[in-house]
């Protein structure tokens, strides 16, 4: 691991970035470095803007991918390399808002019937009924479910690390 890469990773650890965010940011900076075949700390503002333009026009990446690269590069130049010009005038790409897809009753029935066994069907029914994310389902414990007839609810279904950090 290069010294610059290690400095960037340590700066992200200090700021509490998640493991996946750190990996994604480092991947973006490595891609920038490979594009120019030189260390990112030797690049200038115009090269950074040209690279972001390359991602948008030539690679035709999704808005979220370009925004992630933009944030990673800004973090590197502003926080790690402490360059004043790092807050360059490249605005974040606007992500079009999409409405959630509503399933018909028949589609929900087919989805639940597609489960291979009762355990999977119960998990699908719980996710659908409570509107849980996959990470919330994975973190769900038996003690989180109140099944008394007068209660019938589930408690905080956040991952364990988030549970300790903030109360429900």
C-alpha atoms as a PDB file:
ATOM      1  CA  UNK A   1       0.000   0.000   0.000  1.00  0.00           C
ATOM      2  CA  UNK A   2       1.413   3.376  -0.974  1.00  0.00           C
ATOM      3  CA  UNK A   3       2.004   6.029   1.668  1.00  0.00           C
ATOM      4  CA  UNK A   4      -0.657   8.307   0.141  1.00  0.00           C
ATOM      5  CA  UNK A   5      -3.213   5.496   0.086  1.00  0.00           C
ATOM      6  CA  UNK A   6      -2.442   4.672   3.708  1.00  0.00           C
ATOM      7  CA  UNK A   7      -2.764   8.343   4.726  1.00  0.00           C
ATOM      8  CA  UNK A   8      -6.140   8.567   2.999  1.00  0.00           C
ATOM      9  CA  UNK A   9      -7.379   5.363   4.638  1.00  0.00           C
ATOM     10  CA  UNK A  10      -6.255   6.549   8.072  1.00  0.00           C
ATOM     11  CA  UNK A  11      -7.957   9.931   7.550  1.00  0.00           C
ATOM     12  CA  UNK A  12     -11.206   8.129   6.705  1.00  0.00           C
ATOM     13  CA  UNK A  13     -10.879   5.858   9.763  1.00  0.00           C
ATOM     14  CA  UNK A  14     -10.413   8.926  11.972  1.00  0.00           C
ATOM     15  CA  UNK A  15     -13.589  10.450  10.555  1.00  0.00           C
ATOM     16  CA  UNK A  16     -15.598   7.267  11.133  1.00  0.00           C
ATOM     17  CA  UNK A  17     -16.148   6.224   7.518  1.00  0.00           C
ATOM     18  CA  UNK A  18     -17.560   2.725   7.112  1.00  0.00           C
ATOM     19  CA  UNK A  19     -15.386  -0.047   5.689  1.00  0.00           C
ATOM     20  CA  UNK A  20     -17.354  -0.123   2.442  1.00  0.00           C
ATOM     21  CA  UNK A  21     -17.112   3.647   1.972  1.00  0.00           C
ATOM     22  CA  UNK A  22     -13.366   3.525   2.580  1.00  0.00           C
ATOM     23  CA  UNK A  23     -12.971   0.741   0.013  1.00  0.00           C
ATOM     24  CA  UNK A  24     -15.104   2.605  -2.537  1.00  0.00           C
ATOM     25  CA  UNK A  25     -13.218   5.899  -2.072  1.00  0.00           C
ATOM     26  CA  UNK A  26      -9.850   4.165  -2.385  1.00  0.00           C
ATOM     27  CA  UNK A  27     -11.067   2.387  -5.519  1.00  0.00           C
ATOM     28  CA  UNK A  28     -12.079   5.737  -7.044  1.00  0.00           C
ATOM     29  CA  UNK A  29      -8.692   7.287  -6.302  1.00  0.00           C
ATOM     30  CA  UNK A  30      -6.866   4.239  -7.710  1.00  0.00           C
ATOM     31  CA  UNK A  31      -8.946   4.567 -10.913  1.00  0.00           C
ATOM     32  CA  UNK A  32      -7.938   8.248 -11.160  1.00  0.00           C
ATOM     33  CA  UNK A  33      -4.294   7.309 -10.695  1.00  0.00           C
ATOM     34  CA  UNK A  34      -4.501   4.597 -13.358  1.00  0.00           C
ATOM     35  CA  UNK A  35      -6.213   6.941 -15.792  1.00  0.00           C
ATOM     36  CA  UNK A  36      -3.282   9.392 -15.671  1.00  0.00           C
ATOM     37  CA  UNK A  37      -0.570   6.793 -14.903  1.00  0.00           C
ATOM     38  CA  UNK A  38       0.746   8.893 -12.038  1.00  0.00           C
ATOM     39  CA  UNK A  39       0.177   9.550  -8.371  1.00  0.00           C
ATOM     40  CA  UNK A  40      -2.933  11.647  -7.692  1.00  0.00           C
ATOM     41  CA  UNK A  41      -0.937  14.110  -5.575  1.00  0.00           C
ATOM     42  CA  UNK A  42       0.828  15.238  -8.765  1.00  0.00           C
ATOM     43  CA  UNK A  43      -2.395  16.096 -10.573  1.00  0.00           C
ATOM     44  CA  UNK A  44      -3.841  19.564 -10.978  1.00  0.00           C
ATOM     45  CA  UNK A  45      -7.323  20.962 -10.867  1.00  0.00           C
ATOM     46  CA  UNK A  46      -7.842  20.882 -14.642  1.00  0.00           C
ATOM     47  CA  UNK A  47      -6.828  17.206 -14.778  1.00  0.00           C
ATOM     48  CA  UNK A  48      -9.325  16.330 -12.043  1.00  0.00           C
ATOM     49  CA  UNK A  49     -12.126  18.139 -13.853  1.00  0.00           C
ATOM     50  CA  UNK A  50     -11.148  16.443 -17.148  1.00  0.00           C
ATOM     51  CA  UNK A  51     -11.266  13.055 -15.413  1.00  0.00           C
ATOM     52  CA  UNK A  52     -14.744  13.685 -14.006  1.00  0.00           C
ATOM     53  CA  UNK A  53     -15.858  14.803 -17.467  1.00  0.00           C
ATOM     54  CA  UNK A  54     -14.392  11.553 -18.852  1.00  0.00           C
ATOM     55  CA  UNK A  55     -16.490   9.554 -16.364  1.00  0.00           C
ATOM     56  CA  UNK A  56     -19.644  11.368 -17.431  1.00  0.00           C
ATOM     57  CA  UNK A  57     -19.208  11.629 -21.203  1.00  0.00           C
ATOM     58  CA  UNK A  58     -17.026   8.699 -22.245  1.00  0.00           C
ATOM     59  CA  UNK A  59     -17.608   6.045 -19.592  1.00  0.00           C
ATOM     60  CA  UNK A  60     -21.247   7.131 -19.193  1.00  0.00           C
ATOM     61  CA  UNK A  61     -21.302   6.224 -15.522  1.00  0.00           C
ATOM     62  CA  UNK A  62     -24.437   6.600 -13.416  1.00  0.00           C
ATOM     63  CA  UNK A  63     -24.903   9.806 -11.440  1.00  0.00           C
ATOM     64  CA  UNK A  64     -24.218   8.016  -8.183  1.00  0.00           C
ATOM     65  CA  UNK A  65     -20.891   6.623  -9.459  1.00  0.00           C
ATOM     66  CA  UNK A  66     -19.718  10.046 -10.654  1.00  0.00           C
ATOM     67  CA  UNK A  67     -20.789  11.617  -7.352  1.00  0.00           C
ATOM     68  CA  UNK A  68     -18.885   8.954  -5.433  1.00  0.00           C
ATOM     69  CA  UNK A  69     -15.730   9.580  -7.477  1.00  0.00           C
ATOM     70  CA  UNK A  70     -16.193  13.332  -6.989  1.00  0.00           C
ATOM     71  CA  UNK A  71     -16.520  12.937  -3.213  1.00  0.00           C
ATOM     72  CA  UNK A  72     -13.529  10.586  -3.011  1.00  0.00           C
ATOM     73  CA  UNK A  73     -11.307  12.948  -4.987  1.00  0.00           C
ATOM     74  CA  UNK A  74     -12.482  15.973  -2.991  1.00  0.00           C
ATOM     75  CA  UNK A  75     -11.723  14.116   0.225  1.00  0.00           C
ATOM     76  CA  UNK A  76      -8.238  13.205  -0.970  1.00  0.00           C
ATOM     77  CA  UNK A  77      -7.296  16.670  -2.114  1.00  0.00           C
ATOM     78  CA  UNK A  78      -9.031  18.703   0.578  1.00  0.00           C
ATOM     79  CA  UNK A  79      -8.638  16.567   3.719  1.00  0.00           C
ATOM     80  CA  UNK A  80      -5.535  14.454   3.021  1.00  0.00           C
ATOM     81  CA  UNK A  81      -3.401  16.678   0.767  1.00  0.00           C
ATOM     82  CA  UNK A  82      -4.842  19.888   2.296  1.00  0.00           C
ATOM     83  CA  UNK A  83      -5.031  21.780  -0.968  1.00  0.00           C
ATOM     84  CA  UNK A  84      -7.136  24.935  -0.947  1.00  0.00           C
ATOM     85  CA  UNK A  85      -8.237  24.557  -4.557  1.00  0.00           C
ATOM     86  CA  UNK A  86      -9.660  21.119  -3.811  1.00  0.00           C
ATOM     87  CA  UNK A  87     -13.115  22.578  -3.392  1.00  0.00           C
ATOM     88  CA  UNK A  88     -13.291  22.939  -7.153  1.00  0.00           C
ATOM     89  CA  UNK A  89     -16.451  24.096  -8.820  1.00  0.00           C
ATOM     90  CA  UNK A  90     -17.693  20.679  -9.910  1.00  0.00           C
ATOM     91  CA  UNK A  91     -21.219  20.362  -8.554  1.00  0.00           C
ATOM     92  CA  UNK A  92     -22.632  17.031  -7.545  1.00  0.00           C
ATOM     93  CA  UNK A  93     -24.631  15.411 -10.327  1.00  0.00           C
ATOM     94  CA  UNK A  94     -28.350  15.503  -9.707  1.00  0.00           C
ATOM     95  CA  UNK A  95     -29.768  12.055  -9.278  1.00  0.00           C
ATOM     96  CA  UNK A  96     -33.237  11.753 -10.784  1.00  0.00           C
ATOM     97  CA  UNK A  97     -35.816  10.783  -8.214  1.00  0.00           C
ATOM     98  CA  UNK A  98     -37.588   7.512  -8.846  1.00  0.00           C
ATOM     99  CA  UNK A  99     -40.838   6.468  -7.276  1.00  0.00           C
ATOM    100  CA  UNK A 100     -40.923   3.203  -5.396  1.00  0.00           C
ATOM    101  CA  UNK A 101     -42.390   0.347  -7.386  1.00  0.00           C
ATOM    102  CA  UNK A 102     -45.650  -0.886  -5.924  1.00  0.00           C
ATOM    103  CA  UNK A 103     -46.314  -4.596  -6.352  1.00  0.00           C
ATOM    104  CA  UNK A 104     -49.785  -5.857  -7.178  1.00  0.00           C
ATOM    105  CA  UNK A 105     -51.422  -8.414  -4.884  1.00  0.00           C
ATOM    106  CA  UNK A 106     -50.729 -11.157  -7.422  1.00  0.00           C
ATOM    107  CA  UNK A 107     -47.043 -10.189  -7.598  1.00  0.00           C
ATOM    108  CA  UNK A 108     -46.748 -10.265  -3.802  1.00  0.00           C
ATOM    109  CA  UNK A 109     -48.388 -13.686  -3.674  1.00  0.00           C
ATOM    110  CA  UNK A 110     -46.015 -14.994  -6.388  1.00  0.00           C
ATOM    111  CA  UNK A 111     -43.039 -13.545  -4.539  1.00  0.00           C
ATOM    112  CA  UNK A 112     -44.006 -15.211  -1.265  1.00  0.00           C
ATOM    113  CA  UNK A 113     -44.774 -18.523  -2.988  1.00  0.00           C
ATOM    114  CA  UNK A 114     -41.321 -18.485  -4.615  1.00  0.00           C
ATOM    115  CA  UNK A 115     -39.675 -19.024  -1.223  1.00  0.00           C
ATOM    116  CA  UNK A 116     -37.972 -22.412  -0.985  1.00  0.00           C
ATOM    117  CA  UNK A 117     -39.062 -23.173   2.571  1.00  0.00           C
ATOM    118  CA  UNK A 118     -41.107 -21.834   5.488  1.00  0.00           C
ATOM    119  CA  UNK A 119     -38.158 -19.993   7.024  1.00  0.00           C
ATOM    120  CA  UNK A 120     -37.487 -18.064   3.799  1.00  0.00           C
ATOM    121  CA  UNK A 121     -41.198 -17.359   3.371  1.00  0.00           C
ATOM    122  CA  UNK A 122     -41.401 -15.999   6.949  1.00  0.00           C
ATOM    123  CA  UNK A 123     -38.375 -13.773   6.281  1.00  0.00           C
ATOM    124  CA  UNK A 124     -39.919 -12.437   3.046  1.00  0.00           C
ATOM    125  CA  UNK A 125     -43.253 -11.806   4.751  1.00  0.00           C
ATOM    126  CA  UNK A 126     -41.529  -9.955   7.599  1.00  0.00           C
ATOM    127  CA  UNK A 127     -39.475  -7.812   5.208  1.00  0.00           C
ATOM    128  CA  UNK A 128     -42.490  -6.954   3.105  1.00  0.00           C
ATOM    129  CA  UNK A 129     -44.898  -6.312   5.981  1.00  0.00           C
ATOM    130  CA  UNK A 130     -42.491  -4.188   8.027  1.00  0.00           C
ATOM    131  CA  UNK A 131     -40.761  -2.502   5.081  1.00  0.00           C
ATOM    132  CA  UNK A 132     -37.326  -3.625   6.240  1.00  0.00           C
ATOM    133  CA  UNK A 133     -34.027  -3.320   4.417  1.00  0.00           C
ATOM    134  CA  UNK A 134     -31.908  -6.447   3.965  1.00  0.00           C
ATOM    135  CA  UNK A 135     -29.403  -5.252   6.604  1.00  0.00           C
ATOM    136  CA  UNK A 136     -32.273  -4.685   9.031  1.00  0.00           C
ATOM    137  CA  UNK A 137     -33.593  -8.190   8.418  1.00  0.00           C
ATOM    138  CA  UNK A 138     -30.121  -9.652   8.989  1.00  0.00           C
ATOM    139  CA  UNK A 139     -29.834  -7.765  12.286  1.00  0.00           C
ATOM    140  CA  UNK A 140     -33.339  -8.727  13.449  1.00  0.00           C
ATOM    141  CA  UNK A 141     -33.401 -10.918  16.548  1.00  0.00           C
ATOM    142  CA  UNK A 142     -36.230 -12.873  18.091  1.00  0.00           C
ATOM    143  CA  UNK A 143     -36.293 -10.482  21.068  1.00  0.00           C
ATOM    144  CA  UNK A 144     -37.027  -7.608  18.638  1.00  0.00           C
ATOM    145  CA  UNK A 145     -40.442  -9.049  17.750  1.00  0.00           C
ATOM    146  CA  UNK A 146     -43.421  -8.509  20.041  1.00  0.00           C
ATOM    147  CA  UNK A 147     -45.979 -11.119  19.042  1.00  0.00           C
ATOM    148  CA  UNK A 148     -48.466 -10.737  21.893  1.00  0.00           C
ATOM    149  CA  UNK A 149     -51.963 -10.202  20.423  1.00  0.00           C
ATOM    150  CA  UNK A 150     -52.248  -6.753  21.986  1.00  0.00           C
ATOM    151  CA  UNK A 151     -48.726  -5.671  20.845  1.00  0.00           C
ATOM    152  CA  UNK A 152     -47.822  -7.115  17.393  1.00  0.00           C
ATOM    153  CA  UNK A 153     -44.831  -4.940  16.423  1.00  0.00           C
ATOM    154  CA  UNK A 154     -41.098  -5.152  15.855  1.00  0.00           C
ATOM    155  CA  UNK A 155     -38.537  -3.003  17.596  1.00  0.00           C
ATOM    156  CA  UNK A 156     -35.571  -1.220  16.063  1.00  0.00           C
ATOM    157  CA  UNK A 157     -34.354  -3.433  13.282  1.00  0.00           C
ATOM    158  CA  UNK A 158     -31.071  -1.591  12.804  1.00  0.00           C
ATOM    159  CA  UNK A 159     -27.714  -3.360  12.629  1.00  0.00           C
ATOM    160  CA  UNK A 160     -26.195  -3.960  16.072  1.00  0.00           C
ATOM    161  CA  UNK A 161     -23.525  -1.274  15.736  1.00  0.00           C
ATOM    162  CA  UNK A 162     -26.204   1.347  15.018  1.00  0.00           C
ATOM    163  CA  UNK A 163     -28.353   0.076  17.886  1.00  0.00           C
ATOM    164  CA  UNK A 164     -25.664   0.843  20.426  1.00  0.00           C
ATOM    165  CA  UNK A 165     -24.994   4.272  18.956  1.00  0.00           C
ATOM    166  CA  UNK A 166     -28.556   5.587  19.000  1.00  0.00           C
ATOM    167  CA  UNK A 167     -31.637   4.541  20.953  1.00  0.00           C
ATOM    168  CA  UNK A 168     -34.782   3.550  19.066  1.00  0.00           C
END
